[in-house]
C-alpha atoms as a PDB file:
ATOM      1  CA  MET A   1      76.997 103.769  82.257  1.00  0.00           C
ATOM      2  CA  THR A   2      79.831 105.931  83.141  1.00  0.00           C
ATOM      3  CA  ASN A   3      82.705 104.306  84.583  1.00  0.00           C
ATOM      4  CA  GLU A   4      83.452 106.966  86.695  1.00  0.00           C
ATOM      5  CA  HIS A   5      83.488 106.179  90.588  1.00  0.00           C
ATOM      6  CA  SER A   6      82.004 108.364  93.633  1.00  0.00           C
ATOM      7  CA  GLU A   7      84.082 110.617  95.469  1.00  0.00           C
ATOM      8  CA  GLN A   8      82.764 108.103  98.463  1.00  0.00           C
ATOM      9  CA  GLU A   9      84.279 105.145  96.665  1.00  0.00           C
ATOM     10  CA  LYS A  10      87.744 106.961  95.609  1.00  0.00           C
ATOM     11  CA  GLU A  11      87.991 107.641  99.181  1.00  0.00           C
ATOM     12  CA  ASN A  12      87.701 104.008 100.382  1.00  0.00           C
ATOM     13  CA  MET A  13      89.939 103.376  97.937  1.00  0.00           C
ATOM     14  CA  ARG A  14      92.599 105.551  98.769  1.00  0.00           C
ATOM     15  CA  GLN A  15      92.397 104.210 102.748  1.00  0.00           C
ATOM     16  CA  GLU A  16      92.110 100.532 101.653  1.00  0.00           C
ATOM     17  CA  ASP A  17      95.687 101.304  99.819  1.00  0.00           C
ATOM     18  CA  SER A  18      96.979 103.203 103.094  1.00  0.00           C
ATOM     19  CA  LYS A  19      96.181 100.189 104.729  1.00  0.00           C
ATOM     20  CA  LEU A  20      97.787  97.808 102.716  1.00  0.00           C
ATOM     21  CA  ASP A  21     100.932 100.097 102.401  1.00  0.00           C
ATOM     22  CA  ALA A  22     101.246 100.529 106.046  1.00  0.00           C
ATOM     23  CA  ILE A  23     101.110  96.471 106.131  1.00  0.00           C
ATOM     24  CA  ALA A  24     103.473  95.784 103.919  1.00  0.00           C
ATOM     25  CA  ALA A  25     105.723  98.403 105.440  1.00  0.00           C
ATOM     26  CA  VAL A  26     105.628  96.616 109.020  1.00  0.00           C
ATOM     27  CA  VAL A  27     106.290  93.302 107.184  1.00  0.00           C
ATOM     28  CA  ILE A  28     109.519  94.587 105.587  1.00  0.00           C
ATOM     29  CA  ILE A  29     110.817  96.212 108.593  1.00  0.00           C
ATOM     30  CA  PHE A  30     109.559  93.300 111.122  1.00  0.00           C
ATOM     31  CA  SER A  31     112.071  91.344 107.875  1.00  0.00           C
ATOM     32  CA  LEU A  32     114.864  93.457 108.085  1.00  0.00           C
ATOM     33  CA  VAL A  33     114.937  92.961 111.851  1.00  0.00           C
ATOM     34  CA  ALA A  34     114.823  89.781 112.020  1.00  0.00           C
ATOM     35  CA  ILE A  35     117.399  89.348 109.308  1.00  0.00           C
ATOM     36  CA  VAL A  36     119.890  91.649 111.240  1.00  0.00           C
ATOM     37  CA  VAL A  37     119.026  89.575 114.466  1.00  0.00           C
ATOM     38  CA  PHE A  38     119.936  86.177 112.700  1.00  0.00           C
ATOM     39  CA  TRP A  39     122.877  87.831 111.082  1.00  0.00           C
ATOM     40  CA  VAL A  40     124.231  89.277 114.472  1.00  0.00           C
ATOM     41  CA  SER A  41     123.971  85.998 116.563  1.00  0.00           C
ATOM     42  CA  ASN A  42     125.590  84.145 114.409  1.00  0.00           C
ATOM     43  CA  GLN A  43     129.104  86.367 114.369  1.00  0.00           C
END
């Protein structure tokens, strides 16, 4: 029994990683925007 993944499984994993990276980036951007808006509104 080998531990190798098929090319299809590798491609699926890459797509899932890309999706998670995109979601993380959007969350970080929205968080930064919210912090800036909050900070500016308190000036």
